[in-house]
Amino acid sequence: MLDRIDTANSLTEIAGVRIELIKRGTGRPLLLLHPAIGIKSTDRVIDELARSFTLIAPSHPGFGRSELPRAMTTVDDLAYFYLDLMEAMDLREVVLAGVSFGGWIAAEIAIKSTERLSHLVLADAVGIKLGGREERDIVDIFTTRQSEVDQLAYHDPKIGAVDHATISDEDAHILFRNREATALFAWSPYMYDPKLAGRLHRIRVPTLVLWGASDHIVSPDYGRAYSALIGGAQFELIEDAGHYPHIERPDLFTRKIVEFVSCS
C-alpha cells in the first residue's frame, strides 16, 4: 500500500491512528463518512452541513492523507475504528451520515452499536448483496473505463471529470491512494458484506435512506430494498443527482437531513 503522508497537513490521532479530519460548525454533531472518491475541505457540502451541525468529516484510514495500520483490512475494521473515534471525541447524539462506500461503513457501525447515535443517514449506500450469484447489483468500477464510470455515477458527468494532464502531483497521489484503499477494503467480495443484510434489523435509530434518482452505479431499486431491511427507515429520491448527491445537490442533500433530524 502507498504510505506517504504529507506532514505539512495537520493530522489528528485517534486510537493510535493519525487521520485527516475536517471539523466545522456548531450544534449537534454530524459525522460524515465519505465515498471511495474521498472528501475535500473545499466540497460545498462541508459548508452546507456546517450551517446546521458541528460537522466532522474524516478521511478514512488509508484514504486521503490518513494513515493505514497494517492490521486494518476490512470494512468491519473501519466500523470499529469509527466507534473508537466517537468515544475518543466524546461525541453523543450523533447524526451519522455515509455516502456510497461511507454508507456501507455507517451501516456496519449502526448494527454494532447505536449508543452514541441519534439518527442514521445512508446515501446511495453499498454493502449488501440482493441479486443472485451471477447477477451484479453494483457496477464494477475497477473493470469499467473511468469515463464510463463518470457517465453512470453523475447526473452531469462533467462534474466528475478529472483532467489528468493538469492535476497536481499531490491530488494525483490522493486519487490513486483512494482507489488503492477501496480495492483493499471492497474488492472481495465486491462492495458488500455477506452478513450485513441479515443484521440491518438491529439498527434502532431513525434512519433516512437517500438516493440519487440518476444513480446508475447502484440503482434506486437497490436503495429501496436496502431501506426495507431497516425497521421504520424512510426512503427519498434526490432528483438531478447520481451516485454522489452530496456533490451534485449539496443544498438539497443537506436540507433533507436537516428536515429529517428536526422531525424525528
C-alpha atoms as a PDB file:
ATOM      1  CA  MET A   1       0.000   0.000   0.000  1.00  0.00           C
ATOM      2  CA  LEU A   2       1.064   3.583  -0.577  1.00  0.00           C
ATOM      3  CA  ASP A   3       2.164   5.030   2.733  1.00  0.00           C
ATOM      4  CA  ARG A   4       3.424   8.557   2.042  1.00  0.00           C
ATOM      5  CA  ILE A   5       1.863  11.114   4.377  1.00  0.00           C
ATOM      6  CA  ASP A   6       2.168  14.850   3.754  1.00  0.00           C
ATOM      7  CA  THR A   7       3.358  16.037   7.165  1.00  0.00           C
ATOM      8  CA  ALA A   8       2.663  19.634   6.199  1.00  0.00           C
ATOM      9  CA  ASN A   9      -1.014  18.867   6.719  1.00  0.00           C
ATOM     10  CA  SER A  10      -2.339  18.573  10.258  1.00  0.00           C
ATOM     11  CA  LEU A  11      -3.453  15.113  11.322  1.00  0.00           C
ATOM     12  CA  THR A  12      -5.477  14.065  14.360  1.00  0.00           C
ATOM     13  CA  GLU A  13      -4.565  10.898  16.250  1.00  0.00           C
ATOM     14  CA  ILE A  14      -7.474   8.593  17.064  1.00  0.00           C
ATOM     15  CA  ALA A  15      -6.883   5.199  18.708  1.00  0.00           C
ATOM     16  CA  GLY A  16      -3.251   5.371  17.662  1.00  0.00           C
ATOM     17  CA  VAL A  17      -4.029   6.216  14.015  1.00  0.00           C
ATOM     18  CA  ARG A  18      -3.257   9.623  12.518  1.00  0.00           C
ATOM     19  CA  ILE A  19      -6.130  10.740  10.312  1.00  0.00           C
ATOM     20  CA  GLU A  20      -7.049  13.785   8.300  1.00  0.00           C
ATOM     21  CA  LEU A  21     -10.174  15.371   9.768  1.00  0.00           C
ATOM     22  CA  ILE A  22     -12.345  18.351   8.847  1.00  0.00           C
ATOM     23  CA  LYS A  23     -14.342  19.935  11.674  1.00  0.00           C
ATOM     24  CA  ARG A  24     -16.613  22.934  11.172  1.00  0.00           C
ATOM     25  CA  GLY A  25     -19.800  24.490  12.508  1.00  0.00           C
ATOM     26  CA  THR A  26     -21.704  24.318  15.786  1.00  0.00           C
ATOM     27  CA  GLY A  27     -24.606  22.354  17.181  1.00  0.00           C
ATOM     28  CA  ARG A  28     -25.435  18.645  17.171  1.00  0.00           C
ATOM     29  CA  PRO A  29     -22.520  16.580  15.817  1.00  0.00           C
ATOM     30  CA  LEU A  30     -22.828  15.107  12.333  1.00  0.00           C
ATOM     31  CA  LEU A  31     -20.218  12.526  11.363  1.00  0.00           C
ATOM     32  CA  LEU A  32     -19.944  12.372   7.571  1.00  0.00           C
ATOM     33  CA  LEU A  33     -18.344   9.258   6.077  1.00  0.00           C
ATOM     34  CA  HIS A  34     -17.153   9.848   2.539  1.00  0.00           C
ATOM     35  CA  PRO A  35     -17.435   7.625  -0.551  1.00  0.00           C
ATOM     36  CA  ALA A  36     -14.492   5.908  -2.220  1.00  0.00           C
ATOM     37  CA  ILE A  37     -13.592   9.091  -4.117  1.00  0.00           C
ATOM     38  CA  GLY A  38     -12.723  10.769  -0.809  1.00  0.00           C
ATOM     39  CA  ILE A  39     -13.600  14.184   0.514  1.00  0.00           C
ATOM     40  CA  LYS A  40     -12.090  17.657   0.232  1.00  0.00           C
ATOM     41  CA  SER A  41     -12.352  20.657   2.535  1.00  0.00           C
ATOM     42  CA  THR A  42     -13.476  22.680  -0.493  1.00  0.00           C
ATOM     43  CA  ASP A  43     -16.501  20.449  -1.190  1.00  0.00           C
ATOM     44  CA  ARG A  44     -19.574  22.643  -0.954  1.00  0.00           C
ATOM     45  CA  VAL A  45     -21.416  20.128   1.215  1.00  0.00           C
ATOM     46  CA  ILE A  46     -18.953  20.829   4.033  1.00  0.00           C
ATOM     47  CA  ASP A  47     -20.121  24.416   4.437  1.00  0.00           C
ATOM     48  CA  GLU A  48     -23.753  23.490   3.789  1.00  0.00           C
ATOM     49  CA  LEU A  49     -23.801  20.941   6.619  1.00  0.00           C
ATOM     50  CA  ALA A  50     -21.733  23.148   8.940  1.00  0.00           C
ATOM     51  CA  ARG A  51     -24.528  25.728   8.919  1.00  0.00           C
ATOM     52  CA  SER A  52     -26.741  23.317  10.869  1.00  0.00           C
ATOM     53  CA  PHE A  53     -24.344  20.916  12.631  1.00  0.00           C
ATOM     54  CA  THR A  54     -20.917  20.514  14.099  1.00  0.00           C
ATOM     55  CA  LEU A  55     -19.628  18.697  11.044  1.00  0.00           C
ATOM     56  CA  ILE A  56     -16.893  16.103  11.496  1.00  0.00           C
ATOM     57  CA  ALA A  57     -15.624  14.686   8.200  1.00  0.00           C
ATOM     58  CA  PRO A  58     -12.599  12.374   8.463  1.00  0.00           C
ATOM     59  CA  SER A  59     -10.673  10.724   5.660  1.00  0.00           C
ATOM     60  CA  HIS A  60     -10.946   7.000   6.315  1.00  0.00           C
ATOM     61  CA  PRO A  61      -7.729   5.191   7.283  1.00  0.00           C
ATOM     62  CA  GLY A  62      -5.864   4.583   4.024  1.00  0.00           C
ATOM     63  CA  PHE A  63      -7.677   7.403   2.185  1.00  0.00           C
ATOM     64  CA  GLY A  64      -6.578  10.991   1.630  1.00  0.00           C
ATOM     65  CA  ARG A  65      -3.633  11.626   3.956  1.00  0.00           C
ATOM     66  CA  SER A  66      -4.816   9.319   6.728  1.00  0.00           C
ATOM     67  CA  GLU A  67      -2.574   6.534   7.939  1.00  0.00           C
ATOM     68  CA  LEU A  68      -3.438   2.895   7.347  1.00  0.00           C
ATOM     69  CA  PRO A  69      -2.459   0.429  10.078  1.00  0.00           C
ATOM     70  CA  ARG A  70      -1.312  -2.924   8.699  1.00  0.00           C
ATOM     71  CA  ALA A  71      -3.975  -4.769  10.689  1.00  0.00           C
ATOM     72  CA  MET A  72      -6.831  -2.706   9.228  1.00  0.00           C
ATOM     73  CA  THR A  73      -8.047  -4.610   6.165  1.00  0.00           C
ATOM     74  CA  THR A  74     -11.855  -4.818   6.260  1.00  0.00           C
ATOM     75  CA  VAL A  75     -14.880  -2.544   6.428  1.00  0.00           C
ATOM     76  CA  ASP A  76     -15.593  -4.199   9.765  1.00  0.00           C
ATOM     77  CA  ASP A  77     -12.248  -2.786  10.980  1.00  0.00           C
ATOM     78  CA  LEU A  78     -13.239   0.682   9.762  1.00  0.00           C
ATOM     79  CA  ALA A  79     -16.565   0.454  11.599  1.00  0.00           C
ATOM     80  CA  TYR A  80     -14.834  -0.348  14.884  1.00  0.00           C
ATOM     81  CA  PHE A  81     -12.360   2.474  14.238  1.00  0.00           C
ATOM     82  CA  TYR A  82     -15.231   4.964  13.984  1.00  0.00           C
ATOM     83  CA  LEU A  83     -16.804   3.620  17.154  1.00  0.00           C
ATOM     84  CA  ASP A  84     -13.450   4.355  18.797  1.00  0.00           C
ATOM     85  CA  LEU A  85     -13.396   7.815  17.196  1.00  0.00           C
ATOM     86  CA  MET A  86     -16.808   8.732  18.618  1.00  0.00           C
ATOM     87  CA  GLU A  87     -15.708   7.569  22.052  1.00  0.00           C
ATOM     88  CA  ALA A  88     -12.336   9.343  21.852  1.00  0.00           C
ATOM     89  CA  MET A  89     -14.016  12.609  20.805  1.00  0.00           C
ATOM     90  CA  ASP A  90     -16.833  12.034  23.331  1.00  0.00           C
ATOM     91  CA  LEU A  91     -19.461  12.503  20.626  1.00  0.00           C
ATOM     92  CA  ARG A  92     -23.063  11.937  21.695  1.00  0.00           C
ATOM     93  CA  GLU A  93     -26.424  12.162  19.928  1.00  0.00           C
ATOM     94  CA  VAL A  94     -24.514  11.890  16.646  1.00  0.00           C
ATOM     95  CA  VAL A  95     -26.164  12.129  13.247  1.00  0.00           C
ATOM     96  CA  LEU A  96     -24.204   9.506  11.312  1.00  0.00           C
ATOM     97  CA  ALA A  97     -24.293  10.062   7.548  1.00  0.00           C
ATOM     98  CA  GLY A  98     -22.472   7.970   4.956  1.00  0.00           C
ATOM     99  CA  VAL A  99     -22.354   8.152   1.167  1.00  0.00           C
ATOM    100  CA  SER A 100     -21.764   5.069  -1.027  1.00  0.00           C
ATOM    101  CA  PHE A 101     -18.756   3.244   0.487  1.00  0.00           C
ATOM    102  CA  GLY A 102     -19.139   5.530   3.515  1.00  0.00           C
ATOM    103  CA  GLY A 103     -22.775   4.426   3.756  1.00  0.00           C
ATOM    104  CA  TRP A 104     -21.619   0.832   3.969  1.00  0.00           C
ATOM    105  CA  ILE A 105     -19.319   1.747   6.860  1.00  0.00           C
ATOM    106  CA  ALA A 106     -22.146   3.679   8.537  1.00  0.00           C
ATOM    107  CA  ALA A 107     -24.476   0.671   8.311  1.00  0.00           C
ATOM    108  CA  GLU A 108     -21.780  -1.589   9.783  1.00  0.00           C
ATOM    109  CA  ILE A 109     -21.373   0.852  12.679  1.00  0.00           C
ATOM    110  CA  ALA A 110     -25.119   1.009  13.356  1.00  0.00           C
ATOM    111  CA  ILE A 111     -25.615  -2.771  13.506  1.00  0.00           C
ATOM    112  CA  LYS A 112     -22.882  -2.938  16.167  1.00  0.00           C
ATOM    113  CA  SER A 113     -23.924  -0.058  18.408  1.00  0.00           C
ATOM    114  CA  THR A 114     -26.233   2.941  18.255  1.00  0.00           C
ATOM    115  CA  GLU A 115     -25.361   4.057  21.787  1.00  0.00           C
ATOM    116  CA  ARG A 116     -23.848   7.335  20.568  1.00  0.00           C
ATOM    117  CA  LEU A 117     -26.166   7.822  17.580  1.00  0.00           C
ATOM    118  CA  SER A 118     -29.401   9.781  17.299  1.00  0.00           C
ATOM    119  CA  HIS A 119     -30.026   9.350  13.556  1.00  0.00           C
ATOM    120  CA  LEU A 120     -28.616   7.418  10.608  1.00  0.00           C
ATOM    121  CA  VAL A 121     -28.492   8.672   7.014  1.00  0.00           C
ATOM    122  CA  LEU A 122     -27.437   6.327   4.210  1.00  0.00           C
ATOM    123  CA  ALA A 123     -26.982   7.916   0.782  1.00  0.00           C
ATOM    124  CA  ASP A 124     -26.544   5.631  -2.252  1.00  0.00           C
ATOM    125  CA  ALA A 125     -25.009   3.101   0.132  1.00  0.00           C
ATOM    126  CA  VAL A 126     -23.382  -0.131  -0.959  1.00  0.00           C
ATOM    127  CA  GLY A 127     -22.694  -3.087   1.333  1.00  0.00           C
ATOM    128  CA  ILE A 128     -25.373  -5.724   0.681  1.00  0.00           C
ATOM    129  CA  LYS A 129     -25.970  -8.356  -1.991  1.00  0.00           C
ATOM    130  CA  LEU A 130     -29.500  -8.566  -3.381  1.00  0.00           C
ATOM    131  CA  GLY A 131     -29.235 -10.412  -6.696  1.00  0.00           C
ATOM    132  CA  GLY A 132     -28.221 -13.980  -7.399  1.00  0.00           C
ATOM    133  CA  ARG A 133     -24.672 -15.318  -7.637  1.00  0.00           C
ATOM    134  CA  GLU A 134     -24.353 -14.377 -11.310  1.00  0.00           C
ATOM    135  CA  GLU A 135     -26.182 -11.045 -11.004  1.00  0.00           C
ATOM    136  CA  ARG A 136     -24.348  -7.771 -10.450  1.00  0.00           C
ATOM    137  CA  ASP A 137     -26.023  -5.269  -8.131  1.00  0.00           C
ATOM    138  CA  ILE A 138     -23.216  -2.712  -8.325  1.00  0.00           C
ATOM    139  CA  VAL A 139     -21.215  -1.621 -11.375  1.00  0.00           C
ATOM    140  CA  ASP A 140     -17.611  -2.849 -11.247  1.00  0.00           C
ATOM    141  CA  ILE A 141     -15.683   0.407 -11.042  1.00  0.00           C
ATOM    142  CA  PHE A 142     -12.339  -1.393 -11.386  1.00  0.00           C
ATOM    143  CA  THR A 143     -13.006  -3.021 -14.775  1.00  0.00           C
ATOM    144  CA  THR A 144     -15.031  -0.182 -16.300  1.00  0.00           C
ATOM    145  CA  ARG A 145     -13.358   2.746 -18.072  1.00  0.00           C
ATOM    146  CA  GLN A 146     -13.301   5.820 -15.858  1.00  0.00           C
ATOM    147  CA  SER A 147     -15.148   7.880 -18.475  1.00  0.00           C
ATOM    148  CA  GLU A 148     -17.942   5.294 -18.418  1.00  0.00           C
ATOM    149  CA  VAL A 149     -17.971   5.231 -14.610  1.00  0.00           C
ATOM    150  CA  ASP A 150     -18.444   9.011 -14.624  1.00  0.00           C
ATOM    151  CA  GLN A 151     -21.338   8.684 -17.075  1.00  0.00           C
ATOM    152  CA  LEU A 152     -23.003   6.180 -14.756  1.00  0.00           C
ATOM    153  CA  ALA A 153     -22.180   7.914 -11.473  1.00  0.00           C
ATOM    154  CA  TYR A 154     -23.228  11.500 -12.190  1.00  0.00           C
ATOM    155  CA  HIS A 155     -26.382  13.175 -13.427  1.00  0.00           C
ATOM    156  CA  ASP A 156     -23.959  15.643 -15.010  1.00  0.00           C
ATOM    157  CA  PRO A 157     -20.780  13.668 -15.860  1.00  0.00           C
ATOM    158  CA  LYS A 158     -18.757  16.872 -16.328  1.00  0.00           C
ATOM    159  CA  ILE A 159     -18.801  17.298 -12.560  1.00  0.00           C
ATOM    160  CA  GLY A 160     -16.773  14.130 -12.027  1.00  0.00           C
ATOM    161  CA  ALA A 161     -14.320  14.539 -14.889  1.00  0.00           C
ATOM    162  CA  VAL A 162     -10.644  14.752 -13.902  1.00  0.00           C
ATOM    163  CA  ASP A 163      -8.073  16.307 -16.257  1.00  0.00           C
ATOM    164  CA  HIS A 164      -5.097  14.026 -15.658  1.00  0.00           C
ATOM    165  CA  ALA A 165      -2.888  16.310 -17.761  1.00  0.00           C
ATOM    166  CA  THR A 166      -3.234  19.201 -15.317  1.00  0.00           C
ATOM    167  CA  ILE A 167      -3.894  17.515 -11.969  1.00  0.00           C
ATOM    168  CA  SER A 168      -1.246  18.260  -9.334  1.00  0.00           C
ATOM    169  CA  ASP A 169       1.084  15.525  -8.088  1.00  0.00           C
ATOM    170  CA  GLU A 170      -0.469  15.797  -4.629  1.00  0.00           C
ATOM    171  CA  ASP A 171      -4.025  15.418  -5.927  1.00  0.00           C
ATOM    172  CA  ALA A 172      -2.975  12.557  -8.197  1.00  0.00           C
ATOM    173  CA  HIS A 173      -1.371  10.785  -5.245  1.00  0.00           C
ATOM    174  CA  ILE A 174      -4.559  11.102  -3.205  1.00  0.00           C
ATOM    175  CA  LEU A 175      -6.728   9.984  -6.136  1.00  0.00           C
ATOM    176  CA  PHE A 176      -4.747   6.772  -6.614  1.00  0.00           C
ATOM    177  CA  ARG A 177      -4.348   6.208  -2.877  1.00  0.00           C
ATOM    178  CA  ASN A 178      -8.144   6.360  -2.513  1.00  0.00           C
ATOM    179  CA  ARG A 179      -8.545   3.881  -5.337  1.00  0.00           C
ATOM    180  CA  GLU A 180      -5.980   1.520  -3.854  1.00  0.00           C
ATOM    181  CA  ALA A 181      -7.627   1.649  -0.418  1.00  0.00           C
ATOM    182  CA  THR A 182     -11.028   0.984  -1.992  1.00  0.00           C
ATOM    183  CA  ALA A 183      -9.622  -2.149  -3.620  1.00  0.00           C
ATOM    184  CA  LEU A 184      -8.204  -3.291  -0.277  1.00  0.00           C
ATOM    185  CA  PHE A 185     -11.475  -2.878   1.612  1.00  0.00           C
ATOM    186  CA  ALA A 186     -14.091  -3.627  -1.043  1.00  0.00           C
ATOM    187  CA  TRP A 187     -12.665  -5.895  -3.765  1.00  0.00           C
ATOM    188  CA  SER A 188     -13.525  -9.351  -2.469  1.00  0.00           C
ATOM    189  CA  PRO A 189     -16.405  -9.836  -2.069  1.00  0.00           C
ATOM    190  CA  TYR A 190     -17.057  -6.836  -4.280  1.00  0.00           C
ATOM    191  CA  MET A 191     -18.634  -3.953  -2.355  1.00  0.00           C
ATOM    192  CA  TYR A 192     -20.619  -5.993   0.144  1.00  0.00           C
ATOM    193  CA  ASP A 193     -20.540  -7.886   3.418  1.00  0.00           C
ATOM    194  CA  PRO A 194     -22.380 -11.235   3.129  1.00  0.00           C
ATOM    195  CA  LYS A 195     -23.669 -10.866   6.707  1.00  0.00           C
ATOM    196  CA  LEU A 196     -24.789  -7.226   6.646  1.00  0.00           C
ATOM    197  CA  ALA A 197     -28.251  -7.612   5.073  1.00  0.00           C
ATOM    198  CA  GLY A 198     -29.274 -10.106   7.751  1.00  0.00           C
ATOM    199  CA  ARG A 199     -28.175  -7.740  10.516  1.00  0.00           C
ATOM    200  CA  LEU A 200     -29.750  -4.473   9.360  1.00  0.00           C
ATOM    201  CA  HIS A 201     -32.787  -5.204  11.560  1.00  0.00           C
ATOM    202  CA  ARG A 202     -30.528  -4.424  14.544  1.00  0.00           C
ATOM    203  CA  ILE A 203     -30.499  -0.714  13.683  1.00  0.00           C
ATOM    204  CA  ARG A 204     -32.532   1.028  16.372  1.00  0.00           C
ATOM    205  CA  VAL A 205     -32.355   4.714  15.432  1.00  0.00           C
ATOM    206  CA  PRO A 206     -34.413   6.745  12.946  1.00  0.00           C
ATOM    207  CA  THR A 207     -32.954   6.080   9.516  1.00  0.00           C
ATOM    208  CA  LEU A 208     -33.173   8.018   6.263  1.00  0.00           C
ATOM    209  CA  VAL A 209     -32.090   6.378   3.013  1.00  0.00           C
ATOM    210  CA  LEU A 210     -31.363   8.960   0.309  1.00  0.00           C
ATOM    211  CA  TRP A 211     -30.755   8.036  -3.323  1.00  0.00           C
ATOM    212  CA  GLY A 212     -29.770   9.972  -6.413  1.00  0.00           C
ATOM    213  CA  ALA A 213     -32.517   9.454  -8.995  1.00  0.00           C
ATOM    214  CA  SER A 214     -29.882   9.279 -11.751  1.00  0.00           C
ATOM    215  CA  ASP A 215     -27.638   6.764  -9.989  1.00  0.00           C
ATOM    216  CA  HIS A 216     -26.630   4.083 -12.495  1.00  0.00           C
ATOM    217  CA  ILE A 217     -23.850   2.664 -10.316  1.00  0.00           C
ATOM    218  CA  VAL A 218     -26.365   1.366  -7.761  1.00  0.00           C
ATOM    219  CA  SER A 219     -29.986   1.733  -8.812  1.00  0.00           C
ATOM    220  CA  PRO A 220     -32.739   3.355  -6.750  1.00  0.00           C
ATOM    221  CA  ASP A 221     -34.437  -0.067  -6.619  1.00  0.00           C
ATOM    222  CA  TYR A 222     -31.386  -1.373  -4.730  1.00  0.00           C
ATOM    223  CA  GLY A 223     -31.803   1.591  -2.386  1.00  0.00           C
ATOM    224  CA  ARG A 224     -35.476   0.839  -1.808  1.00  0.00           C
ATOM    225  CA  ALA A 225     -34.641  -2.791  -0.980  1.00  0.00           C
ATOM    226  CA  TYR A 226     -31.853  -1.628   1.362  1.00  0.00           C
ATOM    227  CA  SER A 227     -34.277   0.687   3.129  1.00  0.00           C
ATOM    228  CA  ALA A 228     -36.888  -2.068   3.505  1.00  0.00           C
ATOM    229  CA  LEU A 229     -34.420  -4.137   5.557  1.00  0.00           C
ATOM    230  CA  ILE A 230     -34.162  -1.390   8.224  1.00  0.00           C
ATOM    231  CA  GLY A 231     -37.160  -1.103  10.503  1.00  0.00           C
ATOM    232  CA  GLY A 232     -39.023   2.179  10.032  1.00  0.00           C
ATOM    233  CA  ALA A 233     -36.498   3.597   7.545  1.00  0.00           C
ATOM    234  CA  GLN A 234     -37.606   6.363   5.188  1.00  0.00           C
ATOM    235  CA  PHE A 235     -36.571   6.320   1.525  1.00  0.00           C
ATOM    236  CA  GLU A 236     -36.307   9.502  -0.543  1.00  0.00           C
ATOM    237  CA  LEU A 237     -35.018  10.261  -4.016  1.00  0.00           C
ATOM    238  CA  ILE A 238     -32.852  13.269  -4.828  1.00  0.00           C
ATOM    239  CA  GLU A 239     -33.593  14.496  -8.329  1.00  0.00           C
ATOM    240  CA  ASP A 240     -30.865  15.702 -10.708  1.00  0.00           C
ATOM    241  CA  ALA A 241     -28.249  13.700  -8.812  1.00  0.00           C
ATOM    242  CA  GLY A 242     -26.468  10.418  -9.346  1.00  0.00           C
ATOM    243  CA  HIS A 243     -24.335   8.280  -7.055  1.00  0.00           C
ATOM    244  CA  TYR A 244     -22.911  11.290  -5.189  1.00  0.00           C
ATOM    245  CA  PRO A 245     -25.882  13.508  -4.280  1.00  0.00           C
ATOM    246  CA  HIS A 246     -23.778  15.335  -1.671  1.00  0.00           C
ATOM    247  CA  ILE A 247     -21.661  16.637  -4.565  1.00  0.00           C
ATOM    248  CA  GLU A 248     -24.307  17.312  -7.214  1.00  0.00           C
ATOM    249  CA  ARG A 249     -27.059  18.576  -4.890  1.00  0.00           C
ATOM    250  CA  PRO A 250     -25.339  19.594  -1.632  1.00  0.00           C
ATOM    251  CA  ASP A 251     -28.114  22.044  -0.809  1.00  0.00           C
ATOM    252  CA  LEU A 252     -30.922  19.502  -1.174  1.00  0.00           C
ATOM    253  CA  PHE A 253     -28.845  16.738   0.431  1.00  0.00           C
ATOM    254  CA  THR A 254     -28.362  18.978   3.476  1.00  0.00           C
ATOM    255  CA  ARG A 255     -31.957  20.158   3.589  1.00  0.00           C
ATOM    256  CA  LYS A 256     -33.306  16.610   3.604  1.00  0.00           C
ATOM    257  CA  ILE A 257     -31.016  15.697   6.504  1.00  0.00           C
ATOM    258  CA  VAL A 258     -31.925  18.809   8.488  1.00  0.00           C
ATOM    259  CA  GLU A 259     -35.655  18.191   7.977  1.00  0.00           C
ATOM    260  CA  PHE A 260     -35.313  14.517   8.904  1.00  0.00           C
ATOM    261  CA  VAL A 261     -33.407  15.246  12.096  1.00  0.00           C
ATOM    262  CA  SER A 262     -35.772  18.012  13.166  1.00  0.00           C
ATOM    263  CA  CYS A 263     -38.879  15.873  12.602  1.00  0.00           C
ATOM    264  CA  SER A 264     -37.798  12.549  14.102  1.00  0.00           C
END
